[in-house]
Amino acid sequence: MNTPSTAGTQHRKHGPVLERIPTKNADVGGIPVRRAIPTKARRTVGAWCFLDHLGPSILTPETGMNVGPHPHIGLQTFTWMLAGEVMHHDSLGYAQVIRPGQVNLMTAGRGIAHSEESLGAGTMHASQLWIALPESHRHCEPAFAHHPILPQTNIQGVEVTLLAGQSFGLQSPVQVFSELVGADLSAPAATTARIPLEPGFEHAILCLEESAVIEGERIVPGELFYLGDGRDRIDIQFEAGGHLLLIGGTPFEEPVLMWWNFVARTADEISQATEDWNAGQRFGEVAGTALPRLAAPEFNARMRAAT
């Protein structure tokens, strides 16, 4: 992400809405992805400030996702794995394989670096998200956590996995620093389910597989439905194999500046992080990977003007 983007209250719509937002095509380490946020239409949903849908893609021994060591500040990276395996290495010394049904959470805080490398051939399918850290925690010490087991329930034939927050009578073990929710909703057979929502949150739904109907509108892969706030539930008609990702949270009122792999508040913070990374300072070294280190693009005067 080399174009600066800002997020704040300017994109918020009060009350329930149903806004269809097409994803945009991007590439992560050689894997095609659909980027749902940030886009021109929607920069954040609660504290969620980034959402990529990877795959499903078929990997061969010659292809794969290979993202060399790169830095982050001011955010949490959140990986939800659906198919395939990815090796994570970071500058804290963690080496962790993430497998289907698991979450990796990395808290960048004042600064961390990591690499991501797919393992083996076969299908790869995942969602990768960022959570903007609030002012109270965005300069915290970096941390990493692996969550192999997440709480699950079933609502009217829909298999629910709670990824983050508290909902469905469940509490996720994933530590976050804003009021938010993330849930995977999968329907093996066609069904209609009433999904509970927190009225004080804004919500969005991304289609991962097949399709579903929400308030008379069909959603398919490559589309995000922004629901606004003020809802305590939503009825969803799933077709067989329908698979959705629900995210939401208290509208994030702090201004957010996003550029490349950094989430900050000012251009000076971005510029300093860029200089530090390219000079080999501040972020530490990522051991255990043979992937080449990524260089941060120059954050020049033109970029500053755009912010």
C-alpha atoms as a PDB file:
ATOM      1  CA  MET A   1       0.000   0.000   0.000  1.00  0.00           C
ATOM      2  CA  ASN A   2       2.116   2.865  -1.299  1.00  0.00           C
ATOM      3  CA  THR A   3      -0.583   5.520  -1.563  1.00  0.00           C
ATOM      4  CA  PRO A   4      -1.344   7.249   1.739  1.00  0.00           C
ATOM      5  CA  SER A   5      -4.882   6.808   2.987  1.00  0.00           C
ATOM      6  CA  THR A   6      -6.534   8.507   5.904  1.00  0.00           C
ATOM      7  CA  ALA A   7      -9.424   7.239   7.961  1.00  0.00           C
ATOM      8  CA  GLY A   8     -11.607   8.955  10.482  1.00  0.00           C
ATOM      9  CA  THR A   9     -15.200   9.968  10.927  1.00  0.00           C
ATOM     10  CA  GLN A  10     -15.618  11.384   7.427  1.00  0.00           C
ATOM     11  CA  HIS A  11     -16.738   8.025   5.974  1.00  0.00           C
ATOM     12  CA  ARG A  12     -19.117   7.047   8.743  1.00  0.00           C
ATOM     13  CA  LYS A  13     -22.822   6.689   7.996  1.00  0.00           C
ATOM     14  CA  HIS A  14     -25.119   6.759  10.999  1.00  0.00           C
ATOM     15  CA  GLY A  15     -27.882   4.200  11.249  1.00  0.00           C
ATOM     16  CA  PRO A  16     -28.537   0.985   9.305  1.00  0.00           C
ATOM     17  CA  VAL A  17     -27.532   0.987   5.639  1.00  0.00           C
ATOM     18  CA  LEU A  18     -26.787  -1.663   3.024  1.00  0.00           C
ATOM     19  CA  GLU A  19     -23.877  -0.423   0.949  1.00  0.00           C
ATOM     20  CA  ARG A  20     -22.389  -2.750  -1.663  1.00  0.00           C
ATOM     21  CA  ILE A  21     -18.626  -2.201  -2.004  1.00  0.00           C
ATOM     22  CA  PRO A  22     -16.663  -4.134  -4.637  1.00  0.00           C
ATOM     23  CA  THR A  23     -13.232  -5.330  -3.599  1.00  0.00           C
ATOM     24  CA  LYS A  24     -10.157  -4.377  -5.608  1.00  0.00           C
ATOM     25  CA  ASN A  25      -7.572  -6.795  -6.934  1.00  0.00           C
ATOM     26  CA  ALA A  26      -4.104  -6.782  -5.404  1.00  0.00           C
ATOM     27  CA  ASP A  27      -1.127  -9.107  -4.924  1.00  0.00           C
ATOM     28  CA  VAL A  28       0.540 -10.299  -1.722  1.00  0.00           C
ATOM     29  CA  GLY A  29       3.785 -12.194  -2.113  1.00  0.00           C
ATOM     30  CA  GLY A  30       2.719 -13.648  -5.458  1.00  0.00           C
ATOM     31  CA  ILE A  31      -0.831 -14.573  -4.400  1.00  0.00           C
ATOM     32  CA  PRO A  32      -3.808 -12.697  -5.907  1.00  0.00           C
ATOM     33  CA  VAL A  33      -6.043 -11.138  -3.260  1.00  0.00           C
ATOM     34  CA  ARG A  34      -9.286  -9.186  -3.103  1.00  0.00           C
ATOM     35  CA  ARG A  35      -8.846  -6.061  -0.965  1.00  0.00           C
ATOM     36  CA  ALA A  36     -12.066  -5.084   0.822  1.00  0.00           C
ATOM     37  CA  ILE A  37     -10.699  -2.282   3.021  1.00  0.00           C
ATOM     38  CA  PRO A  38      -9.311   0.246   2.739  1.00  0.00           C
ATOM     39  CA  THR A  39     -11.008   1.378  -0.466  1.00  0.00           C
ATOM     40  CA  LYS A  40     -12.216   4.765  -1.588  1.00  0.00           C
ATOM     41  CA  ALA A  41     -15.696   3.918  -0.336  1.00  0.00           C
ATOM     42  CA  ARG A  42     -14.746   2.553   3.081  1.00  0.00           C
ATOM     43  CA  ARG A  43     -11.523   3.081   5.016  1.00  0.00           C
ATOM     44  CA  THR A  44     -12.382   1.386   8.309  1.00  0.00           C
ATOM     45  CA  VAL A  45     -15.050  -0.718   9.997  1.00  0.00           C
ATOM     46  CA  GLY A  46     -14.611  -0.084  13.694  1.00  0.00           C
ATOM     47  CA  ALA A  47     -10.899  -0.454  14.358  1.00  0.00           C
ATOM     48  CA  TRP A  48     -10.532  -2.895  11.455  1.00  0.00           C
ATOM     49  CA  CYS A  49      -8.512  -0.876   8.927  1.00  0.00           C
ATOM     50  CA  PHE A  50      -7.404  -3.511   6.424  1.00  0.00           C
ATOM     51  CA  LEU A  51      -9.013  -6.670   5.018  1.00  0.00           C
ATOM     52  CA  ASP A  52      -7.618  -8.913   2.281  1.00  0.00           C
ATOM     53  CA  HIS A  53      -9.289 -12.095   1.052  1.00  0.00           C
ATOM     54  CA  LEU A  54      -6.602 -14.493  -0.215  1.00  0.00           C
ATOM     55  CA  GLY A  55      -7.724 -17.206  -2.608  1.00  0.00           C
ATOM     56  CA  PRO A  56      -8.874 -19.808  -2.736  1.00  0.00           C
ATOM     57  CA  SER A  57      -5.720 -20.281  -4.835  1.00  0.00           C
ATOM     58  CA  ILE A  58      -4.037 -23.478  -6.005  1.00  0.00           C
ATOM     59  CA  LEU A  59      -0.339 -23.482  -5.154  1.00  0.00           C
ATOM     60  CA  THR A  60       2.296 -25.626  -6.854  1.00  0.00           C
ATOM     61  CA  PRO A  61       5.833 -26.380  -5.679  1.00  0.00           C
ATOM     62  CA  GLU A  62       6.975 -23.505  -7.919  1.00  0.00           C
ATOM     63  CA  THR A  63       4.402 -20.975  -6.727  1.00  0.00           C
ATOM     64  CA  GLY A  64       3.401 -19.737  -3.317  1.00  0.00           C
ATOM     65  CA  MET A  65       3.071 -16.776  -1.035  1.00  0.00           C
ATOM     66  CA  ASN A  66       6.507 -15.409  -0.224  1.00  0.00           C
ATOM     67  CA  VAL A  67       6.520 -12.155   1.727  1.00  0.00           C
ATOM     68  CA  GLY A  68      10.020 -11.282   2.892  1.00  0.00           C
ATOM     69  CA  PRO A  69      10.803  -9.513   6.174  1.00  0.00           C
ATOM     70  CA  HIS A  70       8.936  -6.213   6.424  1.00  0.00           C
ATOM     71  CA  PRO A  71       7.999  -3.851   9.270  1.00  0.00           C
ATOM     72  CA  HIS A  72       4.787  -2.682  10.955  1.00  0.00           C
ATOM     73  CA  ILE A  73       3.897   0.029  13.450  1.00  0.00           C
ATOM     74  CA  GLY A  74       0.671   1.077  15.159  1.00  0.00           C
ATOM     75  CA  LEU A  75      -1.446  -1.970  14.342  1.00  0.00           C
ATOM     76  CA  GLN A  76      -2.256  -5.604  15.012  1.00  0.00           C
ATOM     77  CA  THR A  77      -2.012  -8.075  12.127  1.00  0.00           C
ATOM     78  CA  PHE A  78      -4.727 -10.739  12.249  1.00  0.00           C
ATOM     79  CA  THR A  79      -4.546 -13.847  10.052  1.00  0.00           C
ATOM     80  CA  TRP A  80      -7.509 -16.254   9.832  1.00  0.00           C
ATOM     81  CA  MET A  81      -6.499 -19.436   7.979  1.00  0.00           C
ATOM     82  CA  LEU A  82      -9.063 -21.471   6.034  1.00  0.00           C
ATOM     83  CA  ALA A  83      -6.886 -23.728   3.857  1.00  0.00           C
ATOM     84  CA  GLY A  84      -3.158 -24.295   3.492  1.00  0.00           C
ATOM     85  CA  GLU A  85      -0.303 -23.525   5.859  1.00  0.00           C
ATOM     86  CA  VAL A  86       1.875 -20.435   6.328  1.00  0.00           C
ATOM     87  CA  MET A  87       5.123 -20.085   8.277  1.00  0.00           C
ATOM     88  CA  HIS A  88       5.481 -16.906  10.319  1.00  0.00           C
ATOM     89  CA  HIS A  89       8.872 -15.622  11.500  1.00  0.00           C
ATOM     90  CA  ASP A  90       9.279 -12.343  13.399  1.00  0.00           C
ATOM     91  CA  SER A  91      11.876 -10.128  15.016  1.00  0.00           C
ATOM     92  CA  LEU A  92      10.832 -11.289  18.493  1.00  0.00           C
ATOM     93  CA  GLY A  93      12.107 -14.766  17.585  1.00  0.00           C
ATOM     94  CA  TYR A  94       8.752 -16.492  17.055  1.00  0.00           C
ATOM     95  CA  ALA A  95       8.507 -19.189  14.370  1.00  0.00           C
ATOM     96  CA  GLN A  96       4.917 -20.394  14.014  1.00  0.00           C
ATOM     97  CA  VAL A  97       3.025 -22.383  11.397  1.00  0.00           C
ATOM     98  CA  ILE A  98      -0.606 -21.339  11.073  1.00  0.00           C
ATOM     99  CA  ARG A  99      -3.069 -24.017   9.910  1.00  0.00           C
ATOM    100  CA  PRO A 100      -6.779 -23.998   8.975  1.00  0.00           C
ATOM    101  CA  GLY A 101      -9.062 -22.897  11.792  1.00  0.00           C
ATOM    102  CA  GLN A 102      -6.315 -20.941  13.553  1.00  0.00           C
ATOM    103  CA  VAL A 103      -5.510 -17.264  14.128  1.00  0.00           C
ATOM    104  CA  ASN A 104      -2.128 -15.554  14.326  1.00  0.00           C
ATOM    105  CA  LEU A 105      -2.183 -12.160  16.055  1.00  0.00           C
ATOM    106  CA  MET A 106       0.853  -9.916  15.934  1.00  0.00           C
ATOM    107  CA  THR A 107       0.807  -6.646  17.861  1.00  0.00           C
ATOM    108  CA  ALA A 108       3.229  -4.248  16.207  1.00  0.00           C
ATOM    109  CA  GLY A 109       3.011  -1.406  18.703  1.00  0.00           C
ATOM    110  CA  ARG A 110       6.155   0.744  18.428  1.00  0.00           C
ATOM    111  CA  GLY A 111       7.622  -1.594  15.815  1.00  0.00           C
ATOM    112  CA  ILE A 112       8.047  -5.205  14.712  1.00  0.00           C
ATOM    113  CA  ALA A 113       9.119  -7.053  11.560  1.00  0.00           C
ATOM    114  CA  HIS A 114       8.019 -10.428  10.186  1.00  0.00           C
ATOM    115  CA  SER A 115       7.941 -12.680   7.138  1.00  0.00           C
ATOM    116  CA  GLU A 116       5.237 -14.979   5.767  1.00  0.00           C
ATOM    117  CA  GLU A 117       5.843 -18.031   3.596  1.00  0.00           C
ATOM    118  CA  SER A 118       3.319 -20.617   2.396  1.00  0.00           C
ATOM    119  CA  LEU A 119       4.249 -24.260   2.913  1.00  0.00           C
ATOM    120  CA  GLY A 120       3.739 -26.941   0.286  1.00  0.00           C
ATOM    121  CA  ALA A 121       1.357 -27.248  -2.640  1.00  0.00           C
ATOM    122  CA  GLY A 122      -2.444 -27.347  -2.639  1.00  0.00           C
ATOM    123  CA  THR A 123      -5.206 -24.876  -1.858  1.00  0.00           C
ATOM    124  CA  MET A 124      -4.541 -21.696   0.075  1.00  0.00           C
ATOM    125  CA  HIS A 125      -7.420 -19.667   1.491  1.00  0.00           C
ATOM    126  CA  ALA A 126      -7.229 -17.022   4.208  1.00  0.00           C
ATOM    127  CA  SER A 127      -8.325 -13.624   5.422  1.00  0.00           C
ATOM    128  CA  GLN A 128      -5.687 -11.153   6.535  1.00  0.00           C
ATOM    129  CA  LEU A 129      -6.739  -8.122   8.535  1.00  0.00           C
ATOM    130  CA  TRP A 130      -5.214  -5.211  10.397  1.00  0.00           C
ATOM    131  CA  ILE A 131      -6.586  -3.583  13.530  1.00  0.00           C
ATOM    132  CA  ALA A 132      -5.617   0.038  14.145  1.00  0.00           C
ATOM    133  CA  LEU A 133      -4.294   0.432  17.675  1.00  0.00           C
ATOM    134  CA  PRO A 134      -5.798   3.263  19.738  1.00  0.00           C
ATOM    135  CA  GLU A 135      -3.569   6.036  21.041  1.00  0.00           C
ATOM    136  CA  SER A 136      -3.318   4.309  24.419  1.00  0.00           C
ATOM    137  CA  HIS A 137      -1.605   1.250  22.908  1.00  0.00           C
ATOM    138  CA  ARG A 138      -0.097   2.184  19.568  1.00  0.00           C
ATOM    139  CA  HIS A 139       3.391   2.651  21.048  1.00  0.00           C
ATOM    140  CA  CYS A 140       3.259  -0.488  23.209  1.00  0.00           C
ATOM    141  CA  GLU A 141       5.855  -3.238  23.209  1.00  0.00           C
ATOM    142  CA  PRO A 142       5.449  -5.637  20.267  1.00  0.00           C
ATOM    143  CA  ALA A 143       3.977  -9.078  20.879  1.00  0.00           C
ATOM    144  CA  PHE A 144       2.871 -12.252  19.090  1.00  0.00           C
ATOM    145  CA  ALA A 145       0.191 -14.831  19.937  1.00  0.00           C
ATOM    146  CA  HIS A 146      -0.987 -18.011  18.206  1.00  0.00           C
ATOM    147  CA  HIS A 147      -4.558 -19.215  18.757  1.00  0.00           C
ATOM    148  CA  PRO A 148      -5.095 -22.820  17.621  1.00  0.00           C
ATOM    149  CA  ILE A 149      -8.580 -23.145  19.129  1.00  0.00           C
ATOM    150  CA  LEU A 150     -11.403 -20.603  18.870  1.00  0.00           C
ATOM    151  CA  PRO A 151     -14.932 -20.745  20.329  1.00  0.00           C
ATOM    152  CA  GLN A 152     -17.667 -22.116  18.093  1.00  0.00           C
ATOM    153  CA  THR A 153     -21.438 -22.451  18.042  1.00  0.00           C
ATOM    154  CA  ASN A 154     -24.248 -23.208  15.602  1.00  0.00           C
ATOM    155  CA  ILE A 155     -27.127 -20.859  14.802  1.00  0.00           C
ATOM    156  CA  GLN A 156     -29.934 -22.312  12.665  1.00  0.00           C
ATOM    157  CA  GLY A 157     -27.544 -24.429  10.614  1.00  0.00           C
ATOM    158  CA  VAL A 158     -24.790 -21.802  10.395  1.00  0.00           C
ATOM    159  CA  GLU A 159     -21.445 -22.819  11.840  1.00  0.00           C
ATOM    160  CA  VAL A 160     -20.079 -19.804  13.720  1.00  0.00           C
ATOM    161  CA  THR A 161     -16.459 -19.345  14.757  1.00  0.00           C
ATOM    162  CA  LEU A 162     -15.885 -16.287  16.922  1.00  0.00           C
ATOM    163  CA  LEU A 163     -12.549 -14.806  15.887  1.00  0.00           C
ATOM    164  CA  ALA A 164     -12.435 -11.657  18.000  1.00  0.00           C
ATOM    165  CA  GLY A 165     -14.521  -9.912  20.637  1.00  0.00           C
ATOM    166  CA  GLN A 166     -17.643 -11.095  22.412  1.00  0.00           C
ATOM    167  CA  SER A 167     -20.824 -12.260  20.659  1.00  0.00           C
ATOM    168  CA  PHE A 168     -23.101 -15.273  20.202  1.00  0.00           C
ATOM    169  CA  GLY A 169     -22.716 -15.950  23.926  1.00  0.00           C
ATOM    170  CA  LEU A 170     -19.000 -16.565  23.319  1.00  0.00           C
ATOM    171  CA  GLN A 171     -15.753 -14.779  24.172  1.00  0.00           C
ATOM    172  CA  SER A 172     -12.729 -14.944  21.871  1.00  0.00           C
ATOM    173  CA  PRO A 173      -9.326 -15.452  23.542  1.00  0.00           C
ATOM    174  CA  VAL A 174      -7.700 -13.063  21.035  1.00  0.00           C
ATOM    175  CA  GLN A 175      -6.517  -9.911  22.837  1.00  0.00           C
ATOM    176  CA  VAL A 176      -7.561  -6.667  21.187  1.00  0.00           C
ATOM    177  CA  PHE A 177      -7.564  -3.081  22.444  1.00  0.00           C
ATOM    178  CA  SER A 178     -10.800  -1.719  20.951  1.00  0.00           C
ATOM    179  CA  GLU A 179     -14.408  -2.850  21.169  1.00  0.00           C
ATOM    180  CA  LEU A 180     -14.834  -4.994  18.063  1.00  0.00           C
ATOM    181  CA  VAL A 181     -16.047  -8.324  16.725  1.00  0.00           C
ATOM    182  CA  GLY A 182     -14.965 -10.755  14.044  1.00  0.00           C
ATOM    183  CA  ALA A 183     -16.813 -13.964  13.144  1.00  0.00           C
ATOM    184  CA  ASP A 184     -16.659 -16.645  10.456  1.00  0.00           C
ATOM    185  CA  LEU A 185     -20.106 -17.776   9.279  1.00  0.00           C
ATOM    186  CA  SER A 186     -20.344 -20.983   7.219  1.00  0.00           C
ATOM    187  CA  ALA A 187     -23.461 -22.863   6.072  1.00  0.00           C
ATOM    188  CA  PRO A 188     -22.913 -26.444   4.815  1.00  0.00           C
ATOM    189  CA  ALA A 189     -26.561 -26.555   3.639  1.00  0.00           C
ATOM    190  CA  ALA A 190     -28.962 -23.852   2.526  1.00  0.00           C
ATOM    191  CA  THR A 191     -30.521 -22.087   5.505  1.00  0.00           C
ATOM    192  CA  THR A 192     -31.774 -18.787   6.852  1.00  0.00           C
ATOM    193  CA  ALA A 193     -30.277 -17.558  10.112  1.00  0.00           C
ATOM    194  CA  ARG A 194     -30.772 -14.549  12.367  1.00  0.00           C
ATOM    195  CA  ILE A 195     -27.316 -13.217  13.271  1.00  0.00           C
ATOM    196  CA  PRO A 196     -27.117 -11.074  16.450  1.00  0.00           C
ATOM    197  CA  LEU A 197     -25.338  -7.713  16.198  1.00  0.00           C
ATOM    198  CA  GLU A 198     -24.239  -5.062  18.678  1.00  0.00           C
ATOM    199  CA  PRO A 199     -26.288  -1.876  17.978  1.00  0.00           C
ATOM    200  CA  GLY A 200     -23.417   0.393  19.020  1.00  0.00           C
ATOM    201  CA  PHE A 201     -21.090  -1.184  16.437  1.00  0.00           C
ATOM    202  CA  GLU A 202     -20.845  -0.559  12.731  1.00  0.00           C
ATOM    203  CA  HIS A 203     -20.631  -3.835  10.803  1.00  0.00           C
ATOM    204  CA  ALA A 204     -19.656  -5.207   7.417  1.00  0.00           C
ATOM    205  CA  ILE A 205     -19.916  -8.621   5.779  1.00  0.00           C
ATOM    206  CA  LEU A 206     -17.470 -10.020   3.230  1.00  0.00           C
ATOM    207  CA  CYS A 207     -18.424 -13.009   1.077  1.00  0.00           C
ATOM    208  CA  LEU A 208     -15.722 -15.693   1.047  1.00  0.00           C
ATOM    209  CA  GLU A 209     -17.427 -18.505  -0.891  1.00  0.00           C
ATOM    210  CA  GLU A 210     -20.668 -19.177  -2.816  1.00  0.00           C
ATOM    211  CA  SER A 211     -23.329 -16.574  -1.988  1.00  0.00           C
ATOM    212  CA  ALA A 212     -25.977 -15.330   0.436  1.00  0.00           C
ATOM    213  CA  VAL A 213     -28.914 -12.935   0.394  1.00  0.00           C
ATOM    214  CA  ILE A 214     -29.065 -10.000   2.825  1.00  0.00           C
ATOM    215  CA  GLU A 215     -32.170  -7.800   2.849  1.00  0.00           C
ATOM    216  CA  GLY A 216     -33.063  -8.990  -0.631  1.00  0.00           C
ATOM    217  CA  GLU A 217     -29.577  -8.330  -2.051  1.00  0.00           C
ATOM    218  CA  ARG A 218     -27.285 -11.173  -3.126  1.00  0.00           C
ATOM    219  CA  ILE A 219     -23.651 -11.003  -2.022  1.00  0.00           C
ATOM    220  CA  VAL A 220     -20.948 -12.995  -3.835  1.00  0.00           C
ATOM    221  CA  PRO A 221     -17.147 -13.272  -3.501  1.00  0.00           C
ATOM    222  CA  GLY A 222     -15.524  -9.980  -4.397  1.00  0.00           C
ATOM    223  CA  GLU A 223     -18.113  -7.918  -2.529  1.00  0.00           C
ATOM    224  CA  LEU A 224     -18.309  -6.309   0.895  1.00  0.00           C
ATOM    225  CA  PHE A 225     -21.667  -5.211   2.327  1.00  0.00           C
ATOM    226  CA  TYR A 226     -21.354  -2.318   4.775  1.00  0.00           C
ATOM    227  CA  LEU A 227     -24.289  -2.451   7.209  1.00  0.00           C
ATOM    228  CA  GLY A 228     -23.828   0.795   9.143  1.00  0.00           C
ATOM    229  CA  ASP A 229     -24.659   0.819  12.863  1.00  0.00           C
ATOM    230  CA  GLY A 230     -27.820   0.675  14.965  1.00  0.00           C
ATOM    231  CA  ARG A 231     -28.695  -2.966  14.178  1.00  0.00           C
ATOM    232  CA  ASP A 232     -29.269  -5.625  16.823  1.00  0.00           C
ATOM    233  CA  ARG A 233     -29.627  -8.455  14.293  1.00  0.00           C
ATOM    234  CA  ILE A 234     -29.640  -9.279  10.607  1.00  0.00           C
ATOM    235  CA  ASP A 235     -31.345 -12.126   8.749  1.00  0.00           C
ATOM    236  CA  ILE A 236     -29.158 -13.869   6.167  1.00  0.00           C
ATOM    237  CA  GLN A 237     -30.229 -16.470   3.613  1.00  0.00           C
ATOM    238  CA  PHE A 238     -27.266 -18.772   2.925  1.00  0.00           C
ATOM    239  CA  GLU A 239     -27.037 -20.994  -0.094  1.00  0.00           C
ATOM    240  CA  ALA A 240     -25.339 -24.373   0.413  1.00  0.00           C
ATOM    241  CA  GLY A 241     -21.671 -23.702   1.002  1.00  0.00           C
ATOM    242  CA  GLY A 242     -22.266 -20.008   1.696  1.00  0.00           C
ATOM    243  CA  HIS A 243     -19.359 -18.610   3.665  1.00  0.00           C
ATOM    244  CA  LEU A 244     -19.168 -15.080   5.101  1.00  0.00           C
ATOM    245  CA  LEU A 245     -16.844 -13.033   7.286  1.00  0.00           C
ATOM    246  CA  LEU A 246     -18.507 -10.601   9.711  1.00  0.00           C
ATOM    247  CA  ILE A 247     -16.492  -7.715  11.154  1.00  0.00           C
ATOM    248  CA  GLY A 248     -17.581  -4.794  13.285  1.00  0.00           C
ATOM    249  CA  GLY A 249     -16.751  -2.470  16.096  1.00  0.00           C
ATOM    250  CA  THR A 250     -17.254   0.869  17.743  1.00  0.00           C
ATOM    251  CA  PRO A 251     -16.569   3.503  15.064  1.00  0.00           C
ATOM    252  CA  PHE A 252     -12.889   4.399  15.318  1.00  0.00           C
ATOM    253  CA  GLU A 253     -12.878   8.143  15.985  1.00  0.00           C
ATOM    254  CA  GLU A 254      -9.111   8.688  15.963  1.00  0.00           C
ATOM    255  CA  PRO A 255      -7.567   9.869  12.689  1.00  0.00           C
ATOM    256  CA  VAL A 256      -5.514   7.133  11.033  1.00  0.00           C
ATOM    257  CA  LEU A 257      -2.790   7.520   8.413  1.00  0.00           C
ATOM    258  CA  MET A 258      -1.957   4.333   6.510  1.00  0.00           C
ATOM    259  CA  TRP A 259       0.991   3.977   4.143  1.00  0.00           C
ATOM    260  CA  TRP A 260       2.769   0.814   3.017  1.00  0.00           C
ATOM    261  CA  ASN A 261       2.868  -1.392   6.153  1.00  0.00           C
ATOM    262  CA  PHE A 262       2.534   1.430   8.657  1.00  0.00           C
ATOM    263  CA  VAL A 263      -0.453   2.779  10.603  1.00  0.00           C
ATOM    264  CA  ALA A 264       0.261   6.147  12.201  1.00  0.00           C
ATOM    265  CA  ARG A 265      -1.168   9.581  12.905  1.00  0.00           C
ATOM    266  CA  THR A 266       1.293  11.899  11.163  1.00  0.00           C
ATOM    267  CA  ALA A 267       3.493  11.994   8.067  1.00  0.00           C
ATOM    268  CA  ASP A 268       6.526  12.497  10.310  1.00  0.00           C
ATOM    269  CA  GLU A 269       5.885   9.152  12.012  1.00  0.00           C
ATOM    270  CA  ILE A 270       5.650   7.416   8.628  1.00  0.00           C
ATOM    271  CA  SER A 271       8.798   9.112   7.372  1.00  0.00           C
ATOM    272  CA  GLN A 272      10.765   8.150  10.487  1.00  0.00           C
ATOM    273  CA  ALA A 273       9.599   4.528  10.357  1.00  0.00           C
ATOM    274  CA  THR A 274      10.580   4.340   6.684  1.00  0.00           C
ATOM    275  CA  GLU A 275      14.050   5.744   7.374  1.00  0.00           C
ATOM    276  CA  ASP A 276      14.553   3.467  10.389  1.00  0.00           C
ATOM    277  CA  TRP A 277      13.592   0.308   8.491  1.00  0.00           C
ATOM    278  CA  ASN A 278      15.721   1.061   5.460  1.00  0.00           C
ATOM    279  CA  ALA A 279      18.664   1.878   7.755  1.00  0.00           C
ATOM    280  CA  GLY A 280      18.305  -1.435   9.601  1.00  0.00           C
ATOM    281  CA  GLN A 281      17.317   0.243  12.854  1.00  0.00           C
ATOM    282  CA  ARG A 282      14.485  -0.059  15.402  1.00  0.00           C
ATOM    283  CA  PHE A 283      12.660  -3.144  14.078  1.00  0.00           C
ATOM    284  CA  GLY A 284      15.169  -5.914  14.741  1.00  0.00           C
ATOM    285  CA  GLU A 285      16.129  -8.834  12.523  1.00  0.00           C
ATOM    286  CA  VAL A 286      13.879 -11.661  11.305  1.00  0.00           C
ATOM    287  CA  ALA A 287      15.799 -14.928  11.683  1.00  0.00           C
ATOM    288  CA  GLY A 288      14.842 -18.303  10.238  1.00  0.00           C
ATOM    289  CA  THR A 289      13.804 -17.211   6.745  1.00  0.00           C
ATOM    290  CA  ALA A 290      15.764 -17.152   3.502  1.00  0.00           C
ATOM    291  CA  LEU A 291      13.383 -14.653   1.916  1.00  0.00           C
ATOM    292  CA  PRO A 292      14.958 -11.313   0.981  1.00  0.00           C
ATOM    293  CA  ARG A 293      14.208  -8.293   3.116  1.00  0.00           C
ATOM    294  CA  LEU A 294      11.709  -5.859   1.563  1.00  0.00           C
ATOM    295  CA  ALA A 295      12.786  -2.243   1.181  1.00  0.00           C
ATOM    296  CA  ALA A 296      10.334   0.466   2.186  1.00  0.00           C
ATOM    297  CA  PRO A 297       9.425   2.772  -0.716  1.00  0.00           C
ATOM    298  CA  GLU A 298      10.591   6.333  -0.231  1.00  0.00           C
ATOM    299  CA  PHE A 299       8.111   8.497   1.598  1.00  0.00           C
ATOM    300  CA  ASN A 300       8.854  11.681  -0.303  1.00  0.00           C
ATOM    301  CA  ALA A 301       7.436  15.188  -0.505  1.00  0.00           C
ATOM    302  CA  ARG A 302       4.737  14.111  -2.926  1.00  0.00           C
ATOM    303  CA  MET A 303       3.553  11.455  -0.499  1.00  0.00           C
ATOM    304  CA  ARG A 304       3.581  13.994   2.328  1.00  0.00           C
ATOM    305  CA  ALA A 305       1.430  16.348   0.288  1.00  0.00           C
ATOM    306  CA  ALA A 306      -1.078  13.582  -0.324  1.00  0.00           C
ATOM    307  CA  THR A 307      -1.547  13.172   3.416  1.00  0.00           C
END
